Full PDB file with SEQRES, HELIX, SHEET, SSBOND, CRYST1, ORIGX, SCALE, CONECT and MASTER records, all heavy atoms in Angstrom:
SEQRES   1 A   41  LEU SER ASP ALA GLN LEU VAL SER ASN ASP THR THR SER          
SEQRES   2 A   41  LEU ALA ILE SER PHE ALA ASN GLY ASP SER GLU THR ASN          
SEQRES   3 A   41  VAL THR GLN ASN ILE SER LEU PRO THR SER GLY THR ASN          
SEQRES   4 A   41  GLY SER                                                      
HELIX    1 AA1 ASP A    3  SER A   13  1                                  11    
CRYST1    1.000    1.000    1.000  90.00  90.00  90.00 P 1           1          
ORIGX1      1.000000  0.000000  0.000000        0.00000                         
ORIGX2      0.000000  1.000000  0.000000        0.00000                         
ORIGX3      0.000000  0.000000  1.000000        0.00000                         
SCALE1      1.000000  0.000000  0.000000        0.00000                         
SCALE2      0.000000  1.000000  0.000000        0.00000                         
SCALE3      0.000000  0.000000  1.000000        0.00000                         
ATOM      1  N   LEU A   1      19.519   7.067   3.883  1.00  0.00           N  
ATOM      2  CA  LEU A   1      18.990   5.821   4.407  1.00  0.00           C  
ATOM      3  C   LEU A   1      19.476   4.644   3.565  1.00  0.00           C  
ATOM      4  O   LEU A   1      19.638   4.753   2.349  1.00  0.00           O  
ATOM      5  CB  LEU A   1      17.468   5.849   4.420  1.00  0.00           C  
ATOM      6  CG  LEU A   1      16.801   6.889   5.327  1.00  0.00           C  
ATOM      7  CD1 LEU A   1      15.282   6.817   5.180  1.00  0.00           C  
ATOM      8  CD2 LEU A   1      17.204   6.690   6.778  1.00  0.00           C  
ATOM      9  N   SER A   2      19.694   3.523   4.209  1.00  0.00           N  
ATOM     10  CA  SER A   2      20.077   2.305   3.501  1.00  0.00           C  
ATOM     11  C   SER A   2      18.852   1.728   2.798  1.00  0.00           C  
ATOM     12  O   SER A   2      17.705   2.089   3.097  1.00  0.00           O  
ATOM     13  CB  SER A   2      20.648   1.280   4.473  1.00  0.00           C  
ATOM     14  OG  SER A   2      19.638   0.839   5.371  1.00  0.00           O  
ATOM     15  N   ASP A   3      19.084   0.808   1.852  1.00  0.00           N  
ATOM     16  CA  ASP A   3      17.961   0.160   1.168  1.00  0.00           C  
ATOM     17  C   ASP A   3      17.074  -0.575   2.166  1.00  0.00           C  
ATOM     18  O   ASP A   3      15.843  -0.597   2.018  1.00  0.00           O  
ATOM     19  CB  ASP A   3      18.495  -0.814   0.112  1.00  0.00           C  
ATOM     20  CG  ASP A   3      19.006  -0.098  -1.130  1.00  0.00           C  
ATOM     21  OD1 ASP A   3      18.792   1.121  -1.238  1.00  0.00           O  
ATOM     22  OD2 ASP A   3      19.612  -0.767  -1.987  1.00  0.00           O  
ATOM     23  N   ALA A   4      17.691  -1.178   3.184  1.00  0.00           N  
ATOM     24  CA  ALA A   4      16.904  -1.887   4.191  1.00  0.00           C  
ATOM     25  C   ALA A   4      15.974  -0.927   4.930  1.00  0.00           C  
ATOM     26  O   ALA A   4      14.805  -1.257   5.208  1.00  0.00           O  
ATOM     27  CB  ALA A   4      17.826  -2.598   5.175  1.00  0.00           C  
ATOM     28  N   GLN A   5      16.474   0.264   5.242  1.00  0.00           N  
ATOM     29  CA  GLN A   5      15.644   1.258   5.931  1.00  0.00           C  
ATOM     30  C   GLN A   5      14.531   1.767   5.015  1.00  0.00           C  
ATOM     31  O   GLN A   5      13.395   1.977   5.463  1.00  0.00           O  
ATOM     32  CB  GLN A   5      16.512   2.421   6.410  1.00  0.00           C  
ATOM     33  CG  GLN A   5      17.469   2.050   7.534  1.00  0.00           C  
ATOM     34  CD  GLN A   5      18.450   3.152   7.844  1.00  0.00           C  
ATOM     35  OE1 GLN A   5      19.092   3.707   6.945  1.00  0.00           O  
ATOM     36  NE2 GLN A   5      18.577   3.490   9.116  1.00  0.00           N  
ATOM     37  N   LEU A   6      14.849   1.969   3.737  1.00  0.00           N  
ATOM     38  CA  LEU A   6      13.847   2.439   2.784  1.00  0.00           C  
ATOM     39  C   LEU A   6      12.744   1.392   2.600  1.00  0.00           C  
ATOM     40  O   LEU A   6      11.553   1.737   2.545  1.00  0.00           O  
ATOM     41  CB  LEU A   6      14.513   2.761   1.441  1.00  0.00           C  
ATOM     42  CG  LEU A   6      15.513   3.925   1.457  1.00  0.00           C  
ATOM     43  CD1 LEU A   6      16.204   4.047   0.110  1.00  0.00           C  
ATOM     44  CD2 LEU A   6      14.823   5.237   1.816  1.00  0.00           C  
ATOM     45  N   VAL A   7      13.141   0.125   2.513  1.00  0.00           N  
ATOM     46  CA  VAL A   7      12.150  -0.951   2.390  1.00  0.00           C  
ATOM     47  C   VAL A   7      11.269  -1.000   3.636  1.00  0.00           C  
ATOM     48  O   VAL A   7      10.041  -1.155   3.549  1.00  0.00           O  
ATOM     49  CB  VAL A   7      12.855  -2.302   2.161  1.00  0.00           C  
ATOM     50  CG1 VAL A   7      11.872  -3.460   2.385  1.00  0.00           C  
ATOM     51  CG2 VAL A   7      13.432  -2.373   0.761  1.00  0.00           C  
ATOM     52  N   SER A   8      11.888  -0.867   4.799  1.00  0.00           N  
ATOM     53  CA  SER A   8      11.127  -0.885   6.041  1.00  0.00           C  
ATOM     54  C   SER A   8      10.111   0.252   6.082  1.00  0.00           C  
ATOM     55  O   SER A   8       8.945   0.054   6.489  1.00  0.00           O  
ATOM     56  CB  SER A   8      12.077  -0.783   7.238  1.00  0.00           C  
ATOM     57  OG  SER A   8      11.364  -0.731   8.452  1.00  0.00           O  
ATOM     58  N   ASN A   9      10.522   1.448   5.658  1.00  0.00           N  
ATOM     59  CA  ASN A   9       9.607   2.592   5.654  1.00  0.00           C  
ATOM     60  C   ASN A   9       8.444   2.369   4.691  1.00  0.00           C  
ATOM     61  O   ASN A   9       7.283   2.687   5.015  1.00  0.00           O  
ATOM     62  CB  ASN A   9      10.355   3.864   5.287  1.00  0.00           C  
ATOM     63  CG  ASN A   9      11.313   4.320   6.373  1.00  0.00           C  
ATOM     64  OD1 ASN A   9      11.233   3.848   7.511  1.00  0.00           O  
ATOM     65  ND2 ASN A   9      12.217   5.225   6.039  1.00  0.00           N  
ATOM     66  N   ASP A  10       8.753   1.835   3.501  1.00  0.00           N  
ATOM     67  CA  ASP A  10       7.686   1.593   2.515  1.00  0.00           C  
ATOM     68  C   ASP A  10       6.748   0.480   2.973  1.00  0.00           C  
ATOM     69  O   ASP A  10       5.538   0.523   2.705  1.00  0.00           O  
ATOM     70  CB  ASP A  10       8.295   1.247   1.153  1.00  0.00           C  
ATOM     71  CG  ASP A  10       8.775   2.489   0.415  1.00  0.00           C  
ATOM     72  OD1 ASP A  10       8.474   3.609   0.879  1.00  0.00           O  
ATOM     73  OD2 ASP A  10       9.447   2.341  -0.620  1.00  0.00           O  
ATOM     74  N   THR A  11       7.301  -0.505   3.665  1.00  0.00           N  
ATOM     75  CA  THR A  11       6.463  -1.586   4.186  1.00  0.00           C  
ATOM     76  C   THR A  11       5.486  -1.054   5.232  1.00  0.00           C  
ATOM     77  O   THR A  11       4.295  -1.403   5.238  1.00  0.00           O  
ATOM     78  CB  THR A  11       7.329  -2.694   4.800  1.00  0.00           C  
ATOM     79  OG1 THR A  11       8.205  -3.223   3.800  1.00  0.00           O  
ATOM     80  CG2 THR A  11       6.473  -3.813   5.358  1.00  0.00           C  
ATOM     81  N   THR A  12       5.978  -0.205   6.095  1.00  0.00           N  
ATOM     82  CA  THR A  12       5.133   0.355   7.151  1.00  0.00           C  
ATOM     83  C   THR A  12       3.999   1.201   6.588  1.00  0.00           C  
ATOM     84  O   THR A  12       2.850   1.139   7.060  1.00  0.00           O  
ATOM     85  CB  THR A  12       5.977   1.206   8.116  1.00  0.00           C  
ATOM     86  OG1 THR A  12       6.984   0.378   8.706  1.00  0.00           O  
ATOM     87  CG2 THR A  12       5.126   1.827   9.204  1.00  0.00           C  
ATOM     88  N   SER A  13       4.308   1.981   5.559  1.00  0.00           N  
ATOM     89  CA  SER A  13       3.300   2.912   5.026  1.00  0.00           C  
ATOM     90  C   SER A  13       2.407   2.294   3.953  1.00  0.00           C  
ATOM     91  O   SER A  13       1.425   2.918   3.521  1.00  0.00           O  
ATOM     92  CB  SER A  13       4.002   4.143   4.431  1.00  0.00           C  
ATOM     93  OG  SER A  13       4.854   3.774   3.349  1.00  0.00           O  
ATOM     94  N   LEU A  14       2.713   1.072   3.527  1.00  0.00           N  
ATOM     95  CA  LEU A  14       1.950   0.454   2.442  1.00  0.00           C  
ATOM     96  C   LEU A  14       0.493   0.223   2.842  1.00  0.00           C  
ATOM     97  O   LEU A  14       0.199  -0.300   3.927  1.00  0.00           O  
ATOM     98  CB  LEU A  14       2.597  -0.879   2.048  1.00  0.00           C  
ATOM     99  CG  LEU A  14       1.910  -1.669   0.935  1.00  0.00           C  
ATOM    100  CD1 LEU A  14       1.854  -0.864  -0.357  1.00  0.00           C  
ATOM    101  CD2 LEU A  14       2.607  -3.001   0.718  1.00  0.00           C  
ATOM    102  N   ALA A  15      -0.412   0.597   1.936  1.00  0.00           N  
ATOM    103  CA  ALA A  15      -1.840   0.412   2.189  1.00  0.00           C  
ATOM    104  C   ALA A  15      -2.563   0.132   0.879  1.00  0.00           C  
ATOM    105  O   ALA A  15      -2.096   0.512  -0.204  1.00  0.00           O  
ATOM    106  CB  ALA A  15      -2.432   1.643   2.860  1.00  0.00           C  
ATOM    107  N   ILE A  16      -3.685  -0.547   0.964  1.00  0.00           N  
ATOM    108  CA  ILE A  16      -4.529  -0.825  -0.195  1.00  0.00           C  
ATOM    109  C   ILE A  16      -5.621   0.235  -0.267  1.00  0.00           C  
ATOM    110  O   ILE A  16      -6.201   0.630   0.755  1.00  0.00           O  
ATOM    111  CB  ILE A  16      -5.163  -2.228  -0.082  1.00  0.00           C  
ATOM    112  CG1 ILE A  16      -4.075  -3.298  -0.144  1.00  0.00           C  
ATOM    113  CG2 ILE A  16      -6.196  -2.453  -1.178  1.00  0.00           C  
ATOM    114  CD1 ILE A  16      -4.602  -4.707   0.092  1.00  0.00           C  
ATOM    115  N   SER A  17      -5.918   0.683  -1.474  1.00  0.00           N  
ATOM    116  CA  SER A  17      -6.995   1.667  -1.661  1.00  0.00           C  
ATOM    117  C   SER A  17      -8.266   0.938  -2.100  1.00  0.00           C  
ATOM    118  O   SER A  17      -8.249   0.101  -3.019  1.00  0.00           O  
ATOM    119  CB  SER A  17      -6.592   2.699  -2.729  1.00  0.00           C  
ATOM    120  OG  SER A  17      -5.481   3.438  -2.286  1.00  0.00           O  
ATOM    121  N   PHE A  18      -9.354   1.266  -1.446  1.00  0.00           N  
ATOM    122  CA  PHE A  18     -10.636   0.611  -1.718  1.00  0.00           C  
ATOM    123  C   PHE A  18     -11.590   1.574  -2.410  1.00  0.00           C  
ATOM    124  O   PHE A  18     -11.494   2.806  -2.265  1.00  0.00           O  
ATOM    125  CB  PHE A  18     -11.266   0.123  -0.415  1.00  0.00           C  
ATOM    126  CG  PHE A  18     -10.441  -0.902   0.310  1.00  0.00           C  
ATOM    127  CD1 PHE A  18      -9.574  -0.523   1.328  1.00  0.00           C  
ATOM    128  CD2 PHE A  18     -10.528  -2.244  -0.039  1.00  0.00           C  
ATOM    129  CE1 PHE A  18      -8.814  -1.465   1.995  1.00  0.00           C  
ATOM    130  CE2 PHE A  18      -9.771  -3.198   0.625  1.00  0.00           C  
ATOM    131  CZ  PHE A  18      -8.902  -2.809   1.641  1.00  0.00           C  
ATOM    132  N   ALA A  19     -12.506   0.997  -3.144  1.00  0.00           N  
ATOM    133  CA  ALA A  19     -13.551   1.801  -3.788  1.00  0.00           C  
ATOM    134  C   ALA A  19     -14.465   2.401  -2.722  1.00  0.00           C  
ATOM    135  O   ALA A  19     -14.493   1.955  -1.571  1.00  0.00           O  
ATOM    136  CB  ALA A  19     -14.346   0.932  -4.761  1.00  0.00           C  
ATOM    137  N   ASN A  20     -15.188   3.405  -3.137  1.00  0.00           N  
ATOM    138  CA  ASN A  20     -16.077   4.097  -2.205  1.00  0.00           C  
ATOM    139  C   ASN A  20     -17.061   3.130  -1.555  1.00  0.00           C  
ATOM    140  O   ASN A  20     -17.773   2.375  -2.222  1.00  0.00           O  
ATOM    141  CB  ASN A  20     -16.849   5.190  -2.956  1.00  0.00           C  
ATOM    142  CG  ASN A  20     -17.640   6.073  -2.011  1.00  0.00           C  
ATOM    143  OD1 ASN A  20     -17.222   6.291  -0.867  1.00  0.00           O  
ATOM    144  ND2 ASN A  20     -18.778   6.578  -2.477  1.00  0.00           N  
ATOM    145  N   GLY A  21     -17.069   3.103  -0.220  1.00  0.00           N  
ATOM    146  CA  GLY A  21     -17.970   2.246   0.525  1.00  0.00           C  
ATOM    147  C   GLY A  21     -17.368   0.913   0.902  1.00  0.00           C  
ATOM    148  O   GLY A  21     -17.935   0.184   1.727  1.00  0.00           O  
ATOM    149  N   ASP A  22     -16.216   0.546   0.298  1.00  0.00           N  
ATOM    150  CA  ASP A  22     -15.572  -0.730   0.612  1.00  0.00           C  
ATOM    151  C   ASP A  22     -14.535  -0.572   1.716  1.00  0.00           C  
ATOM    152  O   ASP A  22     -14.089   0.540   2.039  1.00  0.00           O  
ATOM    153  CB  ASP A  22     -14.895  -1.316  -0.634  1.00  0.00           C  
ATOM    154  CG  ASP A  22     -15.898  -1.978  -1.574  1.00  0.00           C  
ATOM    155  OD1 ASP A  22     -17.110  -1.863  -1.315  1.00  0.00           O  
ATOM    156  OD2 ASP A  22     -15.457  -2.587  -2.558  1.00  0.00           O  
ATOM    157  N   SER A  23     -14.152  -1.703   2.283  1.00  0.00           N  
ATOM    158  CA  SER A  23     -13.100  -1.728   3.304  1.00  0.00           C  
ATOM    159  C   SER A  23     -12.483  -3.121   3.312  1.00  0.00           C  
ATOM    160  O   SER A  23     -12.891  -3.995   2.522  1.00  0.00           O  
ATOM    161  CB  SER A  23     -13.685  -1.401   4.684  1.00  0.00           C  
ATOM    162  OG  SER A  23     -14.591  -2.423   5.082  1.00  0.00           O  
ATOM    163  N   GLU A  24     -11.540  -3.362   4.210  1.00  0.00           N  
ATOM    164  CA  GLU A  24     -10.899  -4.674   4.275  1.00  0.00           C  
ATOM    165  C   GLU A  24     -11.895  -5.780   4.591  1.00  0.00           C  
ATOM    166  O   GLU A  24     -11.715  -6.935   4.175  1.00  0.00           O  
ATOM    167  CB  GLU A  24      -9.785  -4.670   5.334  1.00  0.00           C  
ATOM    168  CG  GLU A  24      -8.534  -3.915   4.930  1.00  0.00           C  
ATOM    169  CD  GLU A  24      -7.389  -4.124   5.907  1.00  0.00           C  
ATOM    170  OE1 GLU A  24      -7.558  -4.922   6.854  1.00  0.00           O  
ATOM    171  OE2 GLU A  24      -6.328  -3.495   5.724  1.00  0.00           O  
ATOM    172  N   THR A  25     -12.924  -5.459   5.313  1.00  0.00           N  
ATOM    173  CA  THR A  25     -13.909  -6.484   5.708  1.00  0.00           C  
ATOM    174  C   THR A  25     -15.137  -6.486   4.803  1.00  0.00           C  
ATOM    175  O   THR A  25     -16.090  -7.245   5.048  1.00  0.00           O  
ATOM    176  CB  THR A  25     -14.355  -6.244   7.163  1.00  0.00           C  
ATOM    177  OG1 THR A  25     -14.892  -4.922   7.283  1.00  0.00           O  
ATOM    178  CG2 THR A  25     -13.182  -6.412   8.118  1.00  0.00           C  
ATOM    179  N   ASN A  26     -15.130  -5.658   3.776  1.00  0.00           N  
ATOM    180  CA  ASN A  26     -16.295  -5.605   2.873  1.00  0.00           C  
ATOM    181  C   ASN A  26     -15.827  -5.155   1.490  1.00  0.00           C  
ATOM    182  O   ASN A  26     -15.921  -3.990   1.126  1.00  0.00           O  
ATOM    183  CB  ASN A  26     -17.351  -4.640   3.413  1.00  0.00           C  
ATOM    184  CG  ASN A  26     -18.592  -4.591   2.538  1.00  0.00           C  
ATOM    185  OD1 ASN A  26     -19.027  -5.615   2.010  1.00  0.00           O  
ATOM    186  ND2 ASN A  26     -19.173  -3.406   2.381  1.00  0.00           N  
ATOM    187  N   VAL A  27     -15.281  -6.105   0.738  1.00  0.00           N  
ATOM    188  CA  VAL A  27     -14.780  -5.800  -0.602  1.00  0.00           C  
ATOM    189  C   VAL A  27     -15.818  -6.236  -1.622  1.00  0.00           C  
ATOM    190  O   VAL A  27     -16.165  -7.432  -1.727  1.00  0.00           O  
ATOM    191  CB  VAL A  27     -13.441  -6.535  -0.869  1.00  0.00           C  
ATOM    192  CG1 VAL A  27     -12.971  -6.252  -2.288  1.00  0.00           C  
ATOM    193  CG2 VAL A  27     -12.400  -6.119   0.153  1.00  0.00           C  
ATOM    194  N   THR A  28     -16.292  -5.285  -2.384  1.00  0.00           N  
ATOM    195  CA  THR A  28     -17.301  -5.586  -3.410  1.00  0.00           C  
ATOM    196  C   THR A  28     -16.844  -5.142  -4.803  1.00  0.00           C  
ATOM    197  O   THR A  28     -17.447  -5.537  -5.809  1.00  0.00           O  
ATOM    198  CB  THR A  28     -18.626  -4.874  -3.086  1.00  0.00           C  
ATOM    199  OG1 THR A  28     -18.422  -3.458  -3.111  1.00  0.00           O  
ATOM    200  CG2 THR A  28     -19.163  -5.304  -1.730  1.00  0.00           C  
ATOM    201  N   GLN A  29     -15.788  -4.301  -4.846  1.00  0.00           N  
ATOM    202  CA  GLN A  29     -15.318  -3.774  -6.132  1.00  0.00           C  
ATOM    203  C   GLN A  29     -13.796  -3.962  -6.226  1.00  0.00           C  
ATOM    204  O   GLN A  29     -13.140  -4.369  -5.271  1.00  0.00           O  
ATOM    205  CB  GLN A  29     -15.673  -2.287  -6.250  1.00  0.00           C  
ATOM    206  CG  GLN A  29     -17.153  -1.997  -6.068  1.00  0.00           C  
ATOM    207  CD  GLN A  29     -17.428  -0.505  -6.027  1.00  0.00           C  
ATOM    208  OE1 GLN A  29     -17.267   0.192  -7.029  1.00  0.00           O  
ATOM    209  NE2 GLN A  29     -17.862  -0.019  -4.865  1.00  0.00           N  
ATOM    210  N   ASN A  30     -13.272  -3.671  -7.387  1.00  0.00           N  
ATOM    211  CA  ASN A  30     -11.832  -3.797  -7.598  1.00  0.00           C  
ATOM    212  C   ASN A  30     -11.054  -2.932  -6.594  1.00  0.00           C  
ATOM    213  O   ASN A  30     -11.535  -1.863  -6.168  1.00  0.00           O  
ATOM    214  CB  ASN A  30     -11.451  -3.378  -9.011  1.00  0.00           C  
ATOM    215  CG  ASN A  30     -12.025  -4.319 -10.057  1.00  0.00           C  
ATOM    216  OD1 ASN A  30     -12.359  -5.472  -9.752  1.00  0.00           O  
ATOM    217  ND2 ASN A  30     -12.147  -3.846 -11.284  1.00  0.00           N  
ATOM    218  N   ILE A  31      -9.888  -3.390  -6.233  1.00  0.00           N  
ATOM    219  CA  ILE A  31      -9.044  -2.654  -5.295  1.00  0.00           C  
ATOM    220  C   ILE A  31      -7.787  -2.158  -6.010  1.00  0.00           C  
ATOM    221  O   ILE A  31      -7.394  -2.693  -7.056  1.00  0.00           O  
ATOM    222  CB  ILE A  31      -8.641  -3.534  -4.086  1.00  0.00           C  
ATOM    223  CG1 ILE A  31      -7.926  -4.792  -4.572  1.00  0.00           C  
ATOM    224  CG2 ILE A  31      -9.870  -3.890  -3.266  1.00  0.00           C  
ATOM    225  CD1 ILE A  31      -7.453  -5.702  -3.458  1.00  0.00           C  
ATOM    226  N   SER A  32      -7.183  -1.129  -5.443  1.00  0.00           N  
ATOM    227  CA  SER A  32      -5.966  -0.548  -6.027  1.00  0.00           C  
ATOM    228  C   SER A  32      -4.752  -1.023  -5.238  1.00  0.00           C  
ATOM    229  O   SER A  32      -4.637  -0.767  -4.037  1.00  0.00           O  
ATOM    230  CB  SER A  32      -6.048   0.983  -6.005  1.00  0.00           C  
ATOM    231  OG  SER A  32      -4.868   1.551  -6.534  1.00  0.00           O  
ATOM    232  N   LEU A  33      -3.855  -1.720  -5.933  1.00  0.00           N  
ATOM    233  CA  LEU A  33      -2.649  -2.258  -5.303  1.00  0.00           C  
ATOM    234  C   LEU A  33      -1.426  -1.484  -5.794  1.00  0.00           C  
ATOM    235  O   LEU A  33      -1.078  -1.573  -6.980  1.00  0.00           O  
ATOM    236  CB  LEU A  33      -2.495  -3.750  -5.643  1.00  0.00           C  
ATOM    237  CG  LEU A  33      -3.675  -4.655  -5.270  1.00  0.00           C  
ATOM    238  CD1 LEU A  33      -3.417  -6.077  -5.734  1.00  0.00           C  
ATOM    239  CD2 LEU A  33      -3.922  -4.605  -3.760  1.00  0.00           C  
ATOM    240  N   PRO A  34      -0.772  -0.719  -4.930  1.00  0.00           N  
ATOM    241  CA  PRO A  34       0.409   0.057  -5.343  1.00  0.00           C  
ATOM    242  C   PRO A  34       1.520  -0.869  -5.853  1.00  0.00           C  
ATOM    243  O   PRO A  34       1.730  -1.971  -5.330  1.00  0.00           O  
ATOM    244  CB  PRO A  34       0.837   0.765  -4.050  1.00  0.00           C  
ATOM    245  CG  PRO A  34      -0.375   0.732  -3.170  1.00  0.00           C  
ATOM    246  CD  PRO A  34      -1.097  -0.528  -3.504  1.00  0.00           C  
ATOM    247  N   THR A  35       2.227  -0.421  -6.873  1.00  0.00           N  
ATOM    248  CA  THR A  35       3.348  -1.199  -7.423  1.00  0.00           C  
ATOM    249  C   THR A  35       4.707  -0.561  -7.135  1.00  0.00           C  
ATOM    250  O   THR A  35       5.740  -1.101  -7.528  1.00  0.00           O  
ATOM    251  CB  THR A  35       3.178  -1.373  -8.933  1.00  0.00           C  
ATOM    252  OG1 THR A  35       3.057  -0.078  -9.553  1.00  0.00           O  
ATOM    253  CG2 THR A  35       1.932  -2.194  -9.245  1.00  0.00           C  
ATOM    254  N   SER A  36       4.686   0.574  -6.472  1.00  0.00           N  
ATOM    255  CA  SER A  36       5.946   1.216  -6.077  1.00  0.00           C  
ATOM    256  C   SER A  36       5.745   1.957  -4.763  1.00  0.00           C  
ATOM    257  O   SER A  36       4.647   2.449  -4.477  1.00  0.00           O  
ATOM    258  CB  SER A  36       6.444   2.184  -7.156  1.00  0.00           C  
ATOM    259  OG  SER A  36       5.510   3.230  -7.354  1.00  0.00           O  
ATOM    260  N   GLY A  37       6.819   2.027  -3.977  1.00  0.00           N  
ATOM    261  CA  GLY A  37       6.760   2.720  -2.694  1.00  0.00           C  
ATOM    262  C   GLY A  37       7.241   4.154  -2.811  1.00  0.00           C  
ATOM    263  O   GLY A  37       7.900   4.527  -3.794  1.00  0.00           O  
ATOM    264  N   THR A  38       6.946   4.947  -1.818  1.00  0.00           N  
ATOM    265  CA  THR A  38       7.351   6.365  -1.847  1.00  0.00           C  
ATOM    266  C   THR A  38       8.859   6.534  -1.758  1.00  0.00           C  
ATOM    267  O   THR A  38       9.387   7.593  -2.096  1.00  0.00           O  
ATOM    268  CB  THR A  38       6.683   7.126  -0.684  1.00  0.00           C  
ATOM    269  OG1 THR A  38       7.028   6.476   0.554  1.00  0.00           O  
ATOM    270  CG2 THR A  38       5.178   7.134  -0.829  1.00  0.00           C  
ATOM    271  N   ASN A  39       9.577   5.499  -1.314  1.00  0.00           N  
ATOM    272  CA  ASN A  39      11.029   5.577  -1.199  1.00  0.00           C  
ATOM    273  C   ASN A  39      11.754   4.827  -2.312  1.00  0.00           C  
ATOM    274  O   ASN A  39      12.928   4.491  -2.199  1.00  0.00           O  
ATOM    275  CB  ASN A  39      11.483   5.026   0.159  1.00  0.00           C  
ATOM    276  CG  ASN A  39      11.058   5.927   1.301  1.00  0.00           C  
ATOM    277  OD1 ASN A  39      11.579   7.017   1.477  1.00  0.00           O  
ATOM    278  ND2 ASN A  39      10.089   5.464   2.076  1.00  0.00           N  
ATOM    279  N   GLY A  40      11.024   4.567  -3.417  1.00  0.00           N  
ATOM    280  CA  GLY A  40      11.677   3.972  -4.580  1.00  0.00           C  
ATOM    281  C   GLY A  40      11.673   2.456  -4.631  1.00  0.00           C  
ATOM    282  O   GLY A  40      12.311   1.869  -5.511  1.00  0.00           O  
ATOM    283  N   SER A  41      10.961   1.797  -3.736  1.00  0.00           N  
ATOM    284  CA  SER A  41      10.903   0.340  -3.775  1.00  0.00           C  
ATOM    285  C   SER A  41       9.886  -0.118  -4.824  1.00  0.00           C  
ATOM    286  O   SER A  41       8.998   0.636  -5.224  1.00  0.00           O  
ATOM    287  CB  SER A  41      10.523  -0.211  -2.404  1.00  0.00           C  
ATOM    288  OG  SER A  41       9.208   0.209  -2.049  1.00  0.00           O  
TER     289      SER A  41                                                      
MASTER        0    0    0    1    0    0    0    6  288    1    0    4          
END                                                                             
């Protein structure tokens, strides 16, 4: 895959991890933000 394809795949699969009981519409605790993608981005 080209770098453009790898970036596209990582962009599609990117998600934020929330603490137990939290969600995008109810954030009460720290969130986990990934700093690398599964395809090396």
